[in-house]
Amino acid sequence: MQITDVKVRKLFDDGPMKAIVSVTFDGQLAVHDIKVIYARDKYFIVMPSRKNPDGTYRDIVHPINAGFRSELEEAVIAEFNAELERAEDTVDAEEVMA
């Protein structure tokens, strides 16, 4: 299975959640609401989940093995970093024009 697209849907400045991302696989399956979290001095992803009646959370979708989880996390965080750079470039350009 190939990751064919990663889109950062929303960026956050405050708190540990830094972004919400959608990922497309093989150009045929989209997974929405993957969260980029910054904690313990590193970025990682949290898969979409649902809250159970007992207050715990259960992933709705998730990688089956560590290798694919790592590949997915690397792709998502790389696109997140690229989106941060684009946002910074936009702010810098707006400041120059002001």
PDB file of N, CA and C in Angstrom:
ATOM      1  N   MET A   1       0.855  -1.172   0.000  1.00  0.00           N
ATOM      2  CA  MET A   1       0.000   0.000   0.000  1.00  0.00           C
ATOM      3  C   MET A   1       0.902   1.236   0.000  1.00  0.00           C
ATOM      4  N   GLN A   2       0.604   2.158  -0.888  1.00  0.00           N
ATOM      5  CA  GLN A   2       1.407   3.373  -1.025  1.00  0.00           C
ATOM      6  C   GLN A   2       0.633   4.586  -0.515  1.00  0.00           C
ATOM      7  N   ILE A   3       1.331   5.466   0.154  1.00  0.00           N
ATOM      8  CA  ILE A   3       0.755   6.744   0.563  1.00  0.00           C
ATOM      9  C   ILE A   3       0.852   7.655  -0.654  1.00  0.00           C
ATOM     10  N   THR A   4      -0.297   8.047  -1.190  1.00  0.00           N
ATOM     11  CA  THR A   4      -0.289   8.841  -2.414  1.00  0.00           C
ATOM     12  C   THR A   4      -0.556  10.322  -2.186  1.00  0.00           C
ATOM     13  N   ASP A   5      -1.038  10.699  -0.988  1.00  0.00           N
ATOM     14  CA  ASP A   5      -1.275  12.111  -0.717  1.00  0.00           C
ATOM     15  C   ASP A   5      -1.383  12.324   0.783  1.00  0.00           C
ATOM     16  N   VAL A   6      -0.835  13.429   1.242  1.00  0.00           N
ATOM     17  CA  VAL A   6      -0.959  13.853   2.634  1.00  0.00           C
ATOM     18  C   VAL A   6      -1.357  15.317   2.611  1.00  0.00           C
ATOM     19  N   LYS A   7      -2.478  15.645   3.268  1.00  0.00           N
ATOM     20  CA  LYS A   7      -2.945  17.038   3.317  1.00  0.00           C
ATOM     21  C   LYS A   7      -3.105  17.468   4.760  1.00  0.00           C
ATOM     22  N   VAL A   8      -2.440  18.564   5.094  1.00  0.00           N
ATOM     23  CA  VAL A   8      -2.607  19.166   6.413  1.00  0.00           C
ATOM     24  C   VAL A   8      -3.883  19.990   6.355  1.00  0.00           C
ATOM     25  N   ARG A   9      -4.866  19.625   7.145  1.00  0.00           N
ATOM     26  CA  ARG A   9      -6.176  20.295   7.121  1.00  0.00           C
ATOM     27  C   ARG A   9      -6.211  21.515   8.028  1.00  0.00           C
ATOM     28  N   LYS A  10      -5.541  21.427   9.183  1.00  0.00           N
ATOM     29  CA  LYS A  10      -5.576  22.535  10.130  1.00  0.00           C
ATOM     30  C   LYS A  10      -4.323  22.498  10.982  1.00  0.00           C
ATOM     31  N   LEU A  11      -3.760  23.692  11.246  1.00  0.00           N
ATOM     32  CA  LEU A  11      -2.601  23.844  12.124  1.00  0.00           C
ATOM     33  C   LEU A  11      -3.047  24.492  13.430  1.00  0.00           C
ATOM     34  N   PHE A  12      -2.379  24.125  14.526  1.00  0.00           N
ATOM     35  CA  PHE A  12      -2.670  24.692  15.840  1.00  0.00           C
ATOM     36  C   PHE A  12      -1.383  25.222  16.447  1.00  0.00           C
ATOM     37  N   ASP A  13      -1.450  26.382  17.099  1.00  0.00           N
ATOM     38  CA  ASP A  13      -0.283  26.963  17.764  1.00  0.00           C
ATOM     39  C   ASP A  13      -0.181  26.518  19.214  1.00  0.00           C
ATOM     40  N   ASP A  14      -1.296  26.469  19.900  1.00  0.00           N
ATOM     41  CA  ASP A  14      -1.301  26.193  21.344  1.00  0.00           C
ATOM     42  C   ASP A  14      -1.581  24.721  21.621  1.00  0.00           C
ATOM     43  N   GLY A  15      -1.036  24.241  22.714  1.00  0.00           N
ATOM     44  CA  GLY A  15      -1.304  22.888  23.163  1.00  0.00           C
ATOM     45  C   GLY A  15      -0.461  21.853  22.433  1.00  0.00           C
ATOM     46  N   PRO A  16      -0.583  20.609  22.841  1.00  0.00           N
ATOM     47  CA  PRO A  16       0.237  19.555  22.232  1.00  0.00           C
ATOM     48  C   PRO A  16      -0.216  19.150  20.830  1.00  0.00           C
ATOM     49  N   MET A  17      -1.517  19.302  20.507  1.00  0.00           N
ATOM     50  CA  MET A  17      -1.975  18.957  19.155  1.00  0.00           C
ATOM     51  C   MET A  17      -1.561  20.072  18.198  1.00  0.00           C
ATOM     52  N   LYS A  18      -0.783  19.721  17.180  1.00  0.00           N
ATOM     53  CA  LYS A  18      -0.232  20.716  16.266  1.00  0.00           C
ATOM     54  C   LYS A  18      -0.911  20.737  14.904  1.00  0.00           C
ATOM     55  N   ALA A  19      -1.567  19.629  14.514  1.00  0.00           N
ATOM     56  CA  ALA A  19      -2.221  19.609  13.206  1.00  0.00           C
ATOM     57  C   ALA A  19      -3.217  18.466  13.123  1.00  0.00           C
ATOM     58  N   ILE A  20      -4.151  18.624  12.189  1.00  0.00           N
ATOM     59  CA  ILE A  20      -5.047  17.540  11.787  1.00  0.00           C
ATOM     60  C   ILE A  20      -4.782  17.292  10.311  1.00  0.00           C
ATOM     61  N   VAL A  21      -4.610  16.022   9.949  1.00  0.00           N
ATOM     62  CA  VAL A  21      -4.123  15.636   8.629  1.00  0.00           C
ATOM     63  C   VAL A  21      -5.035  14.574   8.022  1.00  0.00           C
ATOM     64  N   SER A  22      -5.131  14.581   6.692  1.00  0.00           N
ATOM     65  CA  SER A  22      -5.786  13.506   5.944  1.00  0.00           C
ATOM     66  C   SER A  22      -4.739  12.835   5.061  1.00  0.00           C
ATOM     67  N   VAL A  23      -4.822  11.509   4.952  1.00  0.00           N
ATOM     68  CA  VAL A  23      -3.877  10.738   4.148  1.00  0.00           C
ATOM     69  C   VAL A  23      -4.661   9.884   3.157  1.00  0.00           C
ATOM     70  N   THR A  24      -4.193   9.859   1.902  1.00  0.00           N
ATOM     71  CA  THR A  24      -4.793   9.011   0.871  1.00  0.00           C
ATOM     72  C   THR A  24      -3.834   7.872   0.556  1.00  0.00           C
ATOM     73  N   PHE A  25      -4.397   6.678   0.447  1.00  0.00           N
ATOM     74  CA  PHE A  25      -3.627   5.476   0.146  1.00  0.00           C
ATOM     75  C   PHE A  25      -4.024   4.948  -1.232  1.00  0.00           C
ATOM     76  N   ASP A  26      -3.028   4.661  -2.052  1.00  0.00           N
ATOM     77  CA  ASP A  26      -3.235   4.109  -3.401  1.00  0.00           C
ATOM     78  C   ASP A  26      -4.220   4.928  -4.230  1.00  0.00           C
ATOM     79  N   GLY A  27      -4.368   6.205  -3.905  1.00  0.00           N
ATOM     80  CA  GLY A  27      -5.289   7.063  -4.644  1.00  0.00           C
ATOM     81  C   GLY A  27      -6.733   6.608  -4.538  1.00  0.00           C
ATOM     82  N   GLN A  28      -7.044   5.747  -3.534  1.00  0.00           N
ATOM     83  CA  GLN A  28      -8.379   5.162  -3.464  1.00  0.00           C
ATOM     84  C   GLN A  28      -9.026   5.168  -2.089  1.00  0.00           C
ATOM     85  N   LEU A  29      -8.234   5.347  -1.047  1.00  0.00           N
ATOM     86  CA  LEU A  29      -8.771   5.306   0.307  1.00  0.00           C
ATOM     87  C   LEU A  29      -8.220   6.490   1.090  1.00  0.00           C
ATOM     88  N   ALA A  30      -9.117   7.272   1.688  1.00  0.00           N
ATOM     89  CA  ALA A  30      -8.697   8.430   2.484  1.00  0.00           C
ATOM     90  C   ALA A  30      -8.977   8.161   3.956  1.00  0.00           C
ATOM     91  N   VAL A  31      -8.029   8.533   4.802  1.00  0.00           N
ATOM     92  CA  VAL A  31      -8.200   8.474   6.253  1.00  0.00           C
ATOM     93  C   VAL A  31      -8.062   9.901   6.764  1.00  0.00           C
ATOM     94  N   HIS A  32      -9.111  10.386   7.416  1.00  0.00           N
ATOM     95  CA  HIS A  32      -9.154  11.751   7.919  1.00  0.00           C
ATOM     96  C   HIS A  32      -8.918  11.771   9.427  1.00  0.00           C
ATOM     97  N   ASP A  33      -8.610  12.948   9.927  1.00  0.00           N
ATOM     98  CA  ASP A  33      -8.496  13.209  11.367  1.00  0.00           C
ATOM     99  C   ASP A  33      -7.324  12.504  12.041  1.00  0.00           C
ATOM    100  N   ILE A  34      -6.220  12.352  11.327  1.00  0.00           N
ATOM    101  CA  ILE A  34      -4.978  11.911  11.957  1.00  0.00           C
ATOM    102  C   ILE A  34      -4.388  13.145  12.621  1.00  0.00           C
ATOM    103  N   LYS A  35      -4.018  13.020  13.879  1.00  0.00           N
ATOM    104  CA  LYS A  35      -3.523  14.171  14.638  1.00  0.00           C
ATOM    105  C   LYS A  35      -2.005  14.130  14.747  1.00  0.00           C
ATOM    106  N   VAL A  36      -1.378  15.297  14.594  1.00  0.00           N
ATOM    107  CA  VAL A  36       0.056  15.441  14.844  1.00  0.00           C
ATOM    108  C   VAL A  36       0.179  16.041  16.242  1.00  0.00           C
ATOM    109  N   ILE A  37       0.907  15.328  17.104  1.00  0.00           N
ATOM    110  CA  ILE A  37       1.061  15.715  18.501  1.00  0.00           C
ATOM    111  C   ILE A  37       2.539  16.003  18.771  1.00  0.00           C
ATOM    112  N   TYR A  38       2.803  17.039  19.582  1.00  0.00           N
ATOM    113  CA  TYR A  38       4.165  17.320  20.028  1.00  0.00           C
ATOM    114  C   TYR A  38       4.202  17.142  21.538  1.00  0.00           C
ATOM    115  N   ALA A  39       4.945  16.136  21.989  1.00  0.00           N
ATOM    116  CA  ALA A  39       5.082  15.875  23.421  1.00  0.00           C
ATOM    117  C   ALA A  39       6.413  15.181  23.664  1.00  0.00           C
ATOM    118  N   ARG A  40       6.968  15.403  24.814  1.00  0.00           N
ATOM    119  CA  ARG A  40       8.251  14.810  25.199  1.00  0.00           C
ATOM    120  C   ARG A  40       9.326  15.109  24.154  1.00  0.00           C
ATOM    121  N   ASP A  41       9.299  16.343  23.661  1.00  0.00           N
ATOM    122  CA  ASP A  41      10.303  16.841  22.708  1.00  0.00           C
ATOM    123  C   ASP A  41      10.333  16.108  21.381  1.00  0.00           C
ATOM    124  N   LYS A  42       9.196  15.538  20.950  1.00  0.00           N
ATOM    125  CA  LYS A  42       9.151  14.915  19.629  1.00  0.00           C
ATOM    126  C   LYS A  42       7.731  14.953  19.081  1.00  0.00           C
ATOM    127  N   TYR A  43       7.649  14.815  17.751  1.00  0.00           N
ATOM    128  CA  TYR A  43       6.366  14.737  17.071  1.00  0.00           C
ATOM    129  C   TYR A  43       5.999  13.276  16.857  1.00  0.00           C
ATOM    130  N   PHE A  44       4.697  12.994  16.967  1.00  0.00           N
ATOM    131  CA  PHE A  44       4.189  11.668  16.627  1.00  0.00           C
ATOM    132  C   PHE A  44       2.747  11.831  16.177  1.00  0.00           C
ATOM    133  N   ILE A  45       2.175  10.760  15.619  1.00  0.00           N
ATOM    134  CA  ILE A  45       0.797  10.833  15.142  1.00  0.00           C
ATOM    135  C   ILE A  45      -0.115  10.006  16.030  1.00  0.00           C
ATOM    136  N   VAL A  46      -1.385  10.410  16.052  1.00  0.00           N
ATOM    137  CA  VAL A  46      -2.430   9.677  16.747  1.00  0.00           C
ATOM    138  C   VAL A  46      -3.516   9.424  15.711  1.00  0.00           C
ATOM    139  N   MET A  47      -3.897   8.168  15.593  1.00  0.00           N
ATOM    140  CA  MET A  47      -4.889   7.782  14.596  1.00  0.00           C
ATOM    141  C   MET A  47      -6.292   8.198  15.049  1.00  0.00           C
ATOM    142  N   PRO A  48      -7.240   8.288  14.099  1.00  0.00           N
ATOM    143  CA  PRO A  48      -8.617   8.643  14.455  1.00  0.00           C
ATOM    144  C   PRO A  48      -9.167   7.636  15.472  1.00  0.00           C
ATOM    145  N   SER A  49      -9.894   8.135  16.453  1.00  0.00           N
ATOM    146  CA  SER A  49     -10.418   7.252  17.489  1.00  0.00           C
ATOM    147  C   SER A  49     -11.824   7.675  17.898  1.00  0.00           C
ATOM    148  N   ARG A  50     -12.436   6.784  18.646  1.00  0.00           N
ATOM    149  CA  ARG A  50     -13.787   7.029  19.157  1.00  0.00           C
ATOM    150  C   ARG A  50     -13.752   6.810  20.666  1.00  0.00           C
ATOM    151  N   LYS A  51     -14.477   7.650  21.388  1.00  0.00           N
ATOM    152  CA  LYS A  51     -14.527   7.524  22.845  1.00  0.00           C
ATOM    153  C   LYS A  51     -15.542   6.448  23.230  1.00  0.00           C
ATOM    154  N   ASN A  52     -15.107   5.506  24.052  1.00  0.00           N
ATOM    155  CA  ASN A  52     -15.983   4.447  24.550  1.00  0.00           C
ATOM    156  C   ASN A  52     -16.807   4.949  25.734  1.00  0.00           C
ATOM    157  N   PRO A  53     -17.913   4.267  26.048  1.00  0.00           N
ATOM    158  CA  PRO A  53     -18.734   4.694  27.192  1.00  0.00           C
ATOM    159  C   PRO A  53     -17.961   4.757  28.515  1.00  0.00           C
ATOM    160  N   ASP A  54     -16.896   3.956  28.652  1.00  0.00           N
ATOM    161  CA  ASP A  54     -16.126   3.960  29.896  1.00  0.00           C
ATOM    162  C   ASP A  54     -15.053   5.060  29.931  1.00  0.00           C
ATOM    163  N   GLY A  55     -15.015   5.916  28.891  1.00  0.00           N
ATOM    164  CA  GLY A  55     -14.084   7.036  28.858  1.00  0.00           C
ATOM    165  C   GLY A  55     -12.766   6.744  28.173  1.00  0.00           C
ATOM    166  N   THR A  56     -12.512   5.496  27.814  1.00  0.00           N
ATOM    167  CA  THR A  56     -11.298   5.146  27.078  1.00  0.00           C
ATOM    168  C   THR A  56     -11.512   5.417  25.597  1.00  0.00           C
ATOM    169  N   TYR A  57     -10.424   5.398  24.841  1.00  0.00           N
ATOM    170  CA  TYR A  57     -10.503   5.631  23.403  1.00  0.00           C
ATOM    171  C   TYR A  57     -10.082   4.380  22.653  1.00  0.00           C
ATOM    172  N   ARG A  58     -10.697   4.172  21.483  1.00  0.00           N
ATOM    173  CA  ARG A  58     -10.363   3.043  20.621  1.00  0.00           C
ATOM    174  C   ARG A  58     -10.128   3.577  19.216  1.00  0.00           C
ATOM    175  N   ASP A  59      -8.984   3.202  18.624  1.00  0.00           N
ATOM    176  CA  ASP A  59      -8.698   3.631  17.252  1.00  0.00           C
ATOM    177  C   ASP A  59      -9.748   3.078  16.301  1.00  0.00           C
ATOM    178  N   ILE A  60     -10.184   3.934  15.370  1.00  0.00           N
ATOM    179  CA  ILE A  60     -11.123   3.510  14.337  1.00  0.00           C
ATOM    180  C   ILE A  60     -10.367   2.818  13.214  1.00  0.00           C
ATOM    181  N   VAL A  61      -9.181   3.325  12.929  1.00  0.00           N
ATOM    182  CA  VAL A  61      -8.313   2.771  11.896  1.00  0.00           C
ATOM    183  C   VAL A  61      -6.882   2.901  12.410  1.00  0.00           C
ATOM    184  N   HIS A  62      -6.034   1.914  12.067  1.00  0.00           N
ATOM    185  CA  HIS A  62      -4.656   1.977  12.553  1.00  0.00           C
ATOM    186  C   HIS A  62      -3.769   1.056  11.728  1.00  0.00           C
ATOM    187  N   PRO A  63      -2.466   1.358  11.681  1.00  0.00           N
ATOM    188  CA  PRO A  63      -1.519   0.470  11.006  1.00  0.00           C
ATOM    189  C   PRO A  63      -1.442  -0.859  11.762  1.00  0.00           C
ATOM    190  N   ILE A  64      -1.229  -1.933  11.020  1.00  0.00           N
ATOM    191  CA  ILE A  64      -1.162  -3.259  11.623  1.00  0.00           C
ATOM    192  C   ILE A  64       0.235  -3.575  12.157  1.00  0.00           C
ATOM    193  N   ASN A  65       1.269  -2.999  11.534  1.00  0.00           N
ATOM    194  CA  ASN A  65       2.620  -3.328  11.990  1.00  0.00           C
ATOM    195  C   ASN A  65       3.451  -2.053  12.190  1.00  0.00           C
ATOM    196  N   ALA A  66       4.533  -2.213  12.929  1.00  0.00           N
ATOM    197  CA  ALA A  66       5.389  -1.075  13.277  1.00  0.00           C
ATOM    198  C   ALA A  66       6.042  -0.452  12.050  1.00  0.00           C
ATOM    199  N   GLY A  67       6.394  -1.267  11.058  1.00  0.00           N
ATOM    200  CA  GLY A  67       7.032  -0.746   9.854  1.00  0.00           C
ATOM    201  C   GLY A  67       6.140   0.231   9.109  1.00  0.00           C
ATOM    202  N   PHE A  68       4.875  -0.141   8.926  1.00  0.00           N
ATOM    203  CA  PHE A  68       3.967   0.759   8.218  1.00  0.00           C
ATOM    204  C   PHE A  68       3.621   1.968   9.075  1.00  0.00           C
ATOM    205  N   ARG A  69       3.498   1.776  10.393  1.00  0.00           N
ATOM    206  CA  ARG A  69       3.245   2.928  11.271  1.00  0.00           C
ATOM    207  C   ARG A  69       4.378   3.941  11.137  1.00  0.00           C
ATOM    208  N   SER A  70       5.602   3.459  11.101  1.00  0.00           N
ATOM    209  CA  SER A  70       6.754   4.346  10.964  1.00  0.00           C
ATOM    210  C   SER A  70       6.721   5.076   9.624  1.00  0.00           C
ATOM    211  N   GLU A  71       6.418   4.349   8.550  1.00  0.00           N
ATOM    212  CA  GLU A  71       6.322   4.965   7.217  1.00  0.00           C
ATOM    213  C   GLU A  71       5.243   6.041   7.194  1.00  0.00           C
ATOM    214  N   LEU A  72       4.089   5.737   7.766  1.00  0.00           N
ATOM    215  CA  LEU A  72       2.982   6.689   7.808  1.00  0.00           C
ATOM    216  C   LEU A  72       3.358   7.911   8.643  1.00  0.00           C
ATOM    217  N   GLU A  73       3.949   7.689   9.806  1.00  0.00           N
ATOM    218  CA  GLU A  73       4.333   8.792  10.673  1.00  0.00           C
ATOM    219  C   GLU A  73       5.360   9.699  10.000  1.00  0.00           C
ATOM    220  N   GLU A  74       6.346   9.097   9.338  1.00  0.00           N
ATOM    221  CA  GLU A  74       7.361   9.892   8.632  1.00  0.00           C
ATOM    222  C   GLU A  74       6.738  10.751   7.540  1.00  0.00           C
ATOM    223  N   ALA A  75       5.809  10.182   6.755  1.00  0.00           N
ATOM    224  CA  ALA A  75       5.165  10.930   5.669  1.00  0.00           C
ATOM    225  C   ALA A  75       4.318  12.076   6.211  1.00  0.00           C
ATOM    226  N   VAL A  76       3.557  11.812   7.259  1.00  0.00           N
ATOM    227  CA  VAL A  76       2.685  12.835   7.841  1.00  0.00           C
ATOM    228  C   VAL A  76       3.518  13.968   8.452  1.00  0.00           C
ATOM    229  N   ILE A  77       4.540  13.631   9.220  1.00  0.00           N
ATOM    230  CA  ILE A  77       5.354  14.661   9.867  1.00  0.00           C
ATOM    231  C   ILE A  77       6.155  15.450   8.839  1.00  0.00           C
ATOM    232  N   ALA A  78       6.612  14.808   7.771  1.00  0.00           N
ATOM    233  CA  ALA A  78       7.314  15.536   6.706  1.00  0.00           C
ATOM    234  C   ALA A  78       6.388  16.563   6.062  1.00  0.00           C
ATOM    235  N   GLU A  79       5.152  16.176   5.775  1.00  0.00           N
ATOM    236  CA  GLU A  79       4.206  17.132   5.172  1.00  0.00           C
ATOM    237  C   GLU A  79       3.829  18.214   6.168  1.00  0.00           C
ATOM    238  N   PHE A  80       3.697  17.877   7.431  1.00  0.00           N
ATOM    239  CA  PHE A  80       3.428  18.872   8.474  1.00  0.00           C
ATOM    240  C   PHE A  80       4.546  19.911   8.506  1.00  0.00           C
ATOM    241  N   ASN A  81       5.801  19.458   8.496  1.00  0.00           N
ATOM    242  CA  ASN A  81       6.939  20.385   8.493  1.00  0.00           C
ATOM    243  C   ASN A  81       6.959  21.248   7.240  1.00  0.00           C
ATOM    244  N   ALA A  82       6.640  20.670   6.088  1.00  0.00           N
ATOM    245  CA  ALA A  82       6.582  21.439   4.842  1.00  0.00           C
ATOM    246  C   ALA A  82       5.478  22.496   4.917  1.00  0.00           C
ATOM    247  N   GLU A  83       4.343  22.135   5.513  1.00  0.00           N
ATOM    248  CA  GLU A  83       3.241  23.088   5.661  1.00  0.00           C
ATOM    249  C   GLU A  83       3.630  24.222   6.609  1.00  0.00           C
ATOM    250  N   LEU A  84       4.354  23.907   7.675  1.00  0.00           N
ATOM    251  CA  LEU A  84       4.842  24.959   8.578  1.00  0.00           C
ATOM    252  C   LEU A  84       5.757  25.925   7.833  1.00  0.00           C
ATOM    253  N   GLU A  85       6.648  25.401   7.006  1.00  0.00           N
ATOM    254  CA  GLU A  85       7.552  26.256   6.225  1.00  0.00           C
ATOM    255  C   GLU A  85       6.768  27.146   5.268  1.00  0.00           C
ATOM    256  N   ARG A  86       5.756  26.574   4.592  1.00  0.00           N
ATOM    257  CA  ARG A  86       4.933  27.380   3.675  1.00  0.00           C
ATOM    258  C   ARG A  86       4.207  28.481   4.439  1.00  0.00           C
ATOM    259  N   ALA A  87       3.702  28.158   5.625  1.00  0.00           N
ATOM    260  CA  ALA A  87       2.998  29.160   6.432  1.00  0.00           C
ATOM    261  C   ALA A  87       3.956  30.271   6.869  1.00  0.00           C
ATOM    262  N   GLU A  88       5.175  29.904   7.263  1.00  0.00           N
ATOM    263  CA  GLU A  88       6.170  30.909   7.654  1.00  0.00           C
ATOM    264  C   GLU A  88       6.557  31.787   6.473  1.00  0.00           C
ATOM    265  N   ASP A  89       6.711  31.184   5.292  1.00  0.00           N
ATOM    266  CA  ASP A  89       7.050  31.961   4.090  1.00  0.00           C
ATOM    267  C   ASP A  89       5.929  32.949   3.759  1.00  0.00           C
ATOM    268  N   THR A  90       4.681  32.540   3.948  1.00  0.00           N
ATOM    269  CA  THR A  90       3.540  33.422   3.684  1.00  0.00           C
ATOM    270  C   THR A  90       3.541  34.599   4.652  1.00  0.00           C
ATOM    271  N   VAL A  91       3.803  34.324   5.929  1.00  0.00           N
ATOM    272  CA  VAL A  91       3.854  35.393   6.937  1.00  0.00           C
ATOM    273  C   VAL A  91       5.006  36.340   6.627  1.00  0.00           C
ATOM    274  N   ASP A  92       6.187  35.793   6.272  1.00  0.00           N
ATOM    275  CA  ASP A  92       7.339  36.629   5.936  1.00  0.00           C
ATOM    276  C   ASP A  92       7.033  37.512   4.727  1.00  0.00           C
ATOM    277  N   ALA A  93       6.385  36.962   3.706  1.00  0.00           N
ATOM    278  CA  ALA A  93       6.061  37.725   2.508  1.00  0.00           C
ATOM    279  C   ALA A  93       5.063  38.838   2.824  1.00  0.00           C
ATOM    280  N   GLU A  94       4.091  38.552   3.699  1.00  0.00           N
ATOM    281  CA  GLU A  94       3.112  39.556   4.071  1.00  0.00           C
ATOM    282  C   GLU A  94       3.770  40.697   4.866  1.00  0.00           C
ATOM    283  N   GLU A  95       4.745  40.353   5.715  1.00  0.00           N
ATOM    284  CA  GLU A  95       5.436  41.381   6.481  1.00  0.00           C
ATOM    285  C   GLU A  95       6.269  42.279   5.592  1.00  0.00           C
ATOM    286  N   VAL A  96       6.872  41.742   4.542  1.00  0.00           N
ATOM    287  CA  VAL A  96       7.672  42.521   3.603  1.00  0.00           C
ATOM    288  C   VAL A  96       6.780  43.484   2.834  1.00  0.00           C
ATOM    289  N   MET A  97       5.574  43.019   2.493  1.00  0.00           N
ATOM    290  CA  MET A  97       4.660  43.839   1.709  1.00  0.00           C
ATOM    291  C   MET A  97       3.998  44.923   2.553  1.00  0.00           C
ATOM    292  N   ALA A  98       3.985  44.772   3.859  1.00  0.00           N
ATOM    293  CA  ALA A  98       3.304  45.732   4.739  1.00  0.00           C
ATOM    294  C   ALA A  98       4.085  47.013   4.887  1.00  0.00           C
TER     295      ALA A  98
END
